[in-house]
C-alpha cells in the first residue's frame, strides 16, 4: 500500500481515536452504504469522509446531508412523518470520468417506527449532478425495523429495493434476482446491537453499478454522534480487478439549530 495512503488512513484513525468515547448508541441513517428507513428531521445534519483502497488509486467519498422538513403526526393515527433530508457528495478517484463527480441524494421518511410499524422511506440515490449517464441515478423504497426480545436488543434490519433510472448501459447492470434489461435492484442489511461503543453492520445493494456491493463494517462511537468505521467492500462485479476494497470512514452528526439558537 502506498505510503501516502497509509498516512491518509492514519490521519483519519488518529482523529477518531483522539475524540472522547461516548456511551449511547444512535444508528446513522444508513446501514453501511444501503440507506435505512430513517431520515434526518429539520435542522439535523451529518458530514462524512470515506476512503477506500482498491489496490490502485484510493477512492474518496465526502459529503453532507441536512434535514429540511420537520417531523409531524398524521392526526390521531399514532403514526408520524419522520422528515426530509437532502445531501450532496463528491466522489473522487483517478480513472473515473469525471475524476471528481458531485452526486445528489434525498430521502423522505414517510413513517417513523412505532410498535410493529417500521420506519419507511422513499429516496433518490447517487444522482449525478453534472453527467446523468455516469451514475446509478436510482429511486428506492426501504423499511427499517428495530428488533428486540423482551428487554434484549437484537439490532435492526433493513429491507427494500429500487430502480436505476435510464442512463448509460455501463452505469448499471442487473444481478439476481433480476436480469437484463431490468433496471431493478434489491437492498438491505443488518446492524447488530451495541457492544459497548461498537457495533457491526452488513448490507447489500444489488446490481453492478457505482454502489452495487456487499459491505461489512465495524463502527465505533467515538463521541456523541460521531462514528469511526472500518470494513470491507466486495463489489458485485467479480470480473473487476480488483473487485474488493478495504475502507475507513469518519461520520459526525450534529444539529444546525442548536448552533444558531433554534429549537
Protein backbone atom coordinates (compact mmCIF):
# COMPACT_ATOMS: atom_id res chain seq x y z
CA UNK A 1 0.00 0.00 0.00
CA UNK A 2 1.41 3.43 -0.90
CA UNK A 3 2.88 5.48 1.97
CA UNK A 4 0.62 8.41 1.07
CA UNK A 5 -2.46 6.23 1.53
CA UNK A 6 -1.16 4.86 4.84
CA UNK A 7 -0.71 8.44 6.05
CA UNK A 8 -4.27 9.28 4.97
CA UNK A 9 -5.71 6.25 6.78
CA UNK A 10 -3.61 7.11 9.82
CA UNK A 11 -4.86 10.67 9.92
CA UNK A 12 -8.50 9.56 9.90
CA UNK A 13 -7.84 6.92 12.57
CA UNK A 14 -5.95 9.39 14.73
CA UNK A 15 -8.80 11.90 14.53
CA UNK A 16 -11.31 9.28 15.60
CA UNK A 17 -9.18 7.89 18.42
CA UNK A 18 -8.44 11.37 19.77
CA UNK A 19 -12.14 12.01 20.43
CA UNK A 20 -13.65 11.03 23.80
CA UNK A 21 -15.75 7.86 23.87
CA UNK A 22 -19.50 8.31 24.40
CA UNK A 23 -21.91 5.84 25.90
CA UNK A 24 -25.18 5.91 23.99
CA UNK A 25 -25.82 4.33 20.59
CA UNK A 26 -27.69 6.14 17.82
CA UNK A 27 -27.62 4.37 14.47
CA UNK A 28 -26.76 6.54 11.44
CA UNK A 29 -29.27 6.87 8.58
CA UNK A 30 -27.62 4.09 6.56
CA UNK A 31 -26.59 0.52 7.30
CA UNK A 32 -23.14 0.67 5.66
CA UNK A 33 -23.97 2.06 2.20
CA UNK A 34 -27.57 0.89 1.90
CA UNK A 35 -29.95 3.65 3.00
CA UNK A 36 -32.14 2.88 6.00
CA UNK A 37 -35.79 3.80 6.51
CA UNK A 38 -34.86 6.81 8.63
CA UNK A 39 -34.27 10.42 7.56
CA UNK A 40 -32.98 13.46 9.38
CA UNK A 41 -35.53 15.84 10.89
CA UNK A 42 -35.38 19.59 10.39
CA UNK A 43 -32.01 21.09 11.31
CA UNK A 44 -30.11 17.83 11.84
CA UNK A 45 -27.02 17.37 9.68
CA UNK A 46 -24.14 14.97 9.14
CA UNK A 47 -20.79 15.04 7.38
CA UNK A 48 -18.89 12.01 6.06
CA UNK A 49 -15.36 11.33 4.85
CA UNK A 50 -14.81 7.86 3.34
CA UNK A 51 -11.62 6.38 1.87
CA UNK A 52 -11.40 3.01 0.10
CA UNK A 53 -8.37 1.25 -1.34
CA UNK A 54 -8.94 -0.99 -4.38
CA UNK A 55 -5.27 -1.86 -4.97
CA UNK A 56 -4.57 1.19 -7.12
CA UNK A 57 -5.59 4.76 -6.53
CA UNK A 58 -7.64 5.39 -3.39
CA UNK A 59 -11.29 6.38 -3.83
CA UNK A 60 -12.55 9.18 -1.59
CA UNK A 61 -16.17 10.00 -0.90
CA UNK A 62 -17.07 13.11 1.08
CA UNK A 63 -20.45 14.69 1.66
CA UNK A 64 -23.05 16.33 3.85
CA UNK A 65 -26.75 15.59 4.49
CA UNK A 66 -29.21 18.06 6.06
CA UNK A 67 -32.78 17.66 7.33
CA UNK A 68 -35.01 20.32 5.74
CA UNK A 69 -38.50 19.35 6.97
CA UNK A 70 -39.86 18.87 10.50
CA UNK A 71 -41.50 15.72 11.79
CA UNK A 72 -45.27 15.79 12.30
CA UNK A 73 -48.06 13.45 13.34
CA UNK A 74 -50.68 12.08 10.96
CA UNK A 75 -53.64 13.29 13.02
CA UNK A 76 -54.62 10.86 15.78
CA UNK A 77 -53.40 7.74 13.96
CA UNK A 78 -50.36 7.30 16.18
CA UNK A 79 -48.18 7.48 13.05
CA UNK A 80 -45.74 10.26 12.17
CA UNK A 81 -43.78 11.70 9.25
CA UNK A 82 -40.06 11.48 10.03
CA UNK A 83 -38.51 14.27 7.97
CA UNK A 84 -36.91 15.03 4.61
CA UNK A 85 -33.14 15.09 4.14
CA UNK A 86 -31.07 16.19 1.16
CA UNK A 87 -27.36 15.72 0.55
CA UNK A 88 -24.51 16.41 -1.80
CA UNK A 89 -21.46 14.15 -2.11
CA UNK A 90 -18.20 14.41 -4.03
CA UNK A 91 -16.67 11.17 -5.37
CA UNK A 92 -13.00 11.34 -6.38
CA UNK A 93 -10.71 8.70 -7.91
CA UNK A 94 -8.07 8.68 -10.62
CA UNK A 95 -9.54 6.97 -13.70
CA UNK A 96 -13.14 7.97 -13.01
CA UNK A 97 -14.86 10.07 -15.66
CA UNK A 98 -15.14 12.73 -14.43
CA UNK A 99 -12.36 12.32 -11.83
CA UNK A 100 -14.30 14.47 -9.34
CA UNK A 101 -18.02 13.86 -9.54
CA UNK A 102 -20.74 15.53 -7.43
CA UNK A 103 -23.86 13.43 -6.73
CA UNK A 104 -27.18 14.38 -5.12
CA UNK A 105 -29.22 12.32 -2.63
CA UNK A 106 -32.61 12.85 -0.99
CA UNK A 107 -34.80 10.80 1.34
CA UNK A 108 -38.29 11.34 2.80
CA UNK A 109 -39.24 9.29 5.85
CA UNK A 110 -42.95 8.62 5.39
CA UNK A 111 -43.32 6.68 8.65
CA UNK A 112 -41.46 6.78 11.94
CA UNK A 113 -41.09 3.44 13.70
CA UNK A 114 -43.87 2.85 16.22
CA UNK A 115 -44.75 -0.51 17.76
CA UNK A 116 -44.99 -3.04 14.94
CA UNK A 117 -44.79 -0.32 12.26
CA UNK A 118 -41.27 0.05 10.77
CA UNK A 119 -39.61 3.23 9.60
CA UNK A 120 -40.41 3.63 5.89
CA UNK A 121 -38.70 5.97 3.43
CA UNK A 122 -38.60 6.84 -0.26
CA UNK A 123 -35.46 8.32 -1.79
CA UNK A 124 -33.15 9.26 -4.62
CA UNK A 125 -29.57 7.96 -4.55
CA UNK A 126 -26.38 8.69 -6.46
CA UNK A 127 -27.96 11.20 -8.85
CA UNK A 128 -25.08 12.66 -10.87
CA UNK A 129 -25.41 16.42 -10.86
CA UNK A 130 -23.06 17.05 -13.79
CA UNK A 131 -23.47 13.97 -16.03
CA UNK A 132 -26.56 11.80 -15.60
CA UNK A 133 -25.08 8.95 -17.66
CA UNK A 134 -22.23 8.18 -15.23
CA UNK A 135 -24.02 7.11 -12.04
CA UNK A 136 -26.70 4.82 -10.61
CA UNK A 137 -29.35 7.60 -10.58
CA UNK A 138 -31.75 5.45 -8.55
CA UNK A 139 -35.12 5.75 -6.85
CA UNK A 140 -35.78 3.40 -3.93
CA UNK A 141 -38.17 2.41 -1.15
CA UNK A 142 -36.89 0.96 2.12
CA UNK A 143 -38.13 -0.08 5.56
CA UNK A 144 -36.15 -0.44 8.81
CA UNK A 145 -37.31 -2.24 11.97
CA UNK A 146 -35.69 -2.44 15.38
CA UNK A 147 -35.65 -5.99 16.78
CA UNK A 148 -35.91 -7.00 20.43
CA UNK A 149 -36.83 -9.90 22.68
CA UNK A 150 -38.24 -8.50 25.89
CA UNK A 151 -35.59 -6.08 27.15
CA UNK A 152 -32.88 -7.67 24.97
CA UNK A 153 -31.89 -5.63 21.91
CA UNK A 154 -31.37 -7.69 18.76
CA UNK A 155 -30.26 -4.84 16.49
CA UNK A 156 -32.24 -3.73 13.47
CA UNK A 157 -32.93 -4.97 9.95
CA UNK A 158 -33.42 -3.01 6.71
CA UNK A 159 -35.11 -4.28 3.52
CA UNK A 160 -36.02 -2.53 0.29
CA UNK A 161 -35.47 -2.16 -3.40
CA UNK A 162 -35.04 0.35 -6.14
CA UNK A 163 -34.86 1.11 -9.84
CA UNK A 164 -31.95 2.71 -11.70
CA UNK A 165 -33.13 5.49 -13.96
CA UNK A 166 -32.31 5.08 -17.68
CA UNK A 167 -28.77 6.21 -18.36
CA UNK A 168 -25.55 4.82 -19.71
CA UNK A 169 -25.65 1.00 -20.15
CA UNK A 170 -22.28 0.93 -18.39
CA UNK A 171 -23.72 2.65 -15.29
CA UNK A 172 -25.97 -0.27 -14.20
CA UNK A 173 -26.39 -3.97 -14.91
CA UNK A 174 -28.97 -6.11 -13.10
CA UNK A 175 -27.96 -9.00 -10.83
CA UNK A 176 -30.07 -11.75 -9.24
CA UNK A 177 -32.98 -11.94 -8.62
CA UNK A 178 -33.29 -9.64 -11.67
CA UNK A 179 -31.74 -9.87 -15.12
CA UNK A 180 -31.24 -7.56 -18.11
CA UNK A 181 -32.94 -5.46 -19.33
CA UNK A 182 -34.39 -4.88 -15.84
CA UNK A 183 -33.14 -1.79 -14.04
CA UNK A 184 -34.31 -3.06 -10.63
CA UNK A 185 -32.19 -4.00 -7.62
CA UNK A 186 -32.63 -5.14 -4.03
CA UNK A 187 -31.05 -3.57 -0.98
CA UNK A 188 -30.96 -4.42 2.69
CA UNK A 189 -28.82 -5.04 5.72
CA UNK A 190 -28.49 -5.76 9.40
CA UNK A 191 -26.99 -3.75 12.28
CA UNK A 192 -26.05 -5.53 15.48
CA UNK A 193 -26.78 -4.31 19.00
CA UNK A 194 -24.02 -2.22 20.52
CA UNK A 195 -21.11 -3.90 22.28
CA UNK A 196 -20.01 -1.00 24.43
CA UNK A 197 -19.08 1.77 21.96
CA UNK A 198 -19.03 -0.56 18.91
CA UNK A 199 -21.48 -2.35 16.64
CA UNK A 200 -21.21 -4.39 13.43
CA UNK A 201 -23.14 -3.99 10.19
CA UNK A 202 -23.58 -5.84 6.91
CA UNK A 203 -25.53 -4.72 3.86
CA UNK A 204 -26.04 -5.39 0.17
CA UNK A 205 -27.00 -3.19 -2.79
CA UNK A 206 -27.85 -5.25 -5.87
CA UNK A 207 -26.75 -4.67 -9.44
CA UNK A 208 -23.40 -3.87 -10.99
CA UNK A 209 -23.03 -0.13 -10.50
CA UNK A 210 -21.11 2.50 -8.60
CA UNK A 211 -22.88 1.38 -5.41
CA UNK A 212 -23.52 -2.30 -6.18
CA UNK A 213 -21.71 -4.26 -3.47
CA UNK A 214 -21.84 -6.27 -0.26
CA UNK A 215 -20.29 -4.42 2.67
CA UNK A 216 -19.05 -5.49 6.10
CA UNK A 217 -18.31 -2.87 8.72
CA UNK A 218 -17.30 -2.40 12.34
CA UNK A 219 -18.31 1.01 13.68
CA UNK A 220 -17.06 2.75 16.82
CA UNK A 221 -18.93 5.55 18.60
CA UNK A 222 -16.10 7.91 19.46
CA UNK A 223 -18.27 10.65 20.91
CA UNK A 224 -21.92 11.70 20.80
CA UNK A 225 -22.96 11.50 17.16
CA UNK A 226 -19.52 10.65 15.74
CA UNK A 227 -18.63 7.23 14.29
CA UNK A 228 -15.36 5.79 13.07
CA UNK A 229 -15.91 2.86 10.68
CA UNK A 230 -13.60 0.17 9.29
CA UNK A 231 -14.60 -2.51 6.84
CA UNK A 232 -14.55 -4.38 3.57
CA UNK A 233 -16.47 -3.65 0.36
CA UNK A 234 -17.00 -6.60 -2.02
CA UNK A 235 -18.09 -5.50 -5.49
CA UNK A 236 -20.91 -7.31 -7.29
CA UNK A 237 -18.87 -7.32 -10.49
CA UNK A 238 -16.45 -10.16 -9.72
CA UNK A 239 -14.68 -9.66 -13.07
CA UNK A 240 -13.37 -6.28 -11.92
CA UNK A 241 -9.69 -6.10 -10.99
CA UNK A 242 -9.65 -5.90 -8.06
CA UNK A 243 -13.34 -6.30 -7.11
CA UNK A 244 -12.93 -5.61 -3.38
CA UNK A 245 -11.63 -2.82 -1.16
CA UNK A 246 -10.77 -2.04 2.43
CA UNK A 247 -12.25 1.20 3.72
CA UNK A 248 -12.22 3.62 6.64
CA UNK A 249 -14.68 6.44 7.29
CA UNK A 250 -15.45 9.13 9.80
CA UNK A 251 -19.02 10.45 10.14
CA UNK A 252 -20.37 13.06 12.51
CA UNK A 253 -23.96 14.17 13.13
CA UNK A 254 -24.98 17.44 14.75
CA UNK A 255 -27.81 19.96 14.99
CA UNK A 256 -27.64 23.15 12.97
CA UNK A 257 -30.48 24.63 15.01
CA UNK A 258 -28.56 24.26 18.26
CA UNK A 259 -25.70 26.22 16.75
CA UNK A 260 -27.95 29.03 15.52
CA UNK A 261 -30.20 29.34 18.54
CA UNK A 262 -33.15 27.49 17.02
CA UNK A 263 -35.29 24.96 18.84
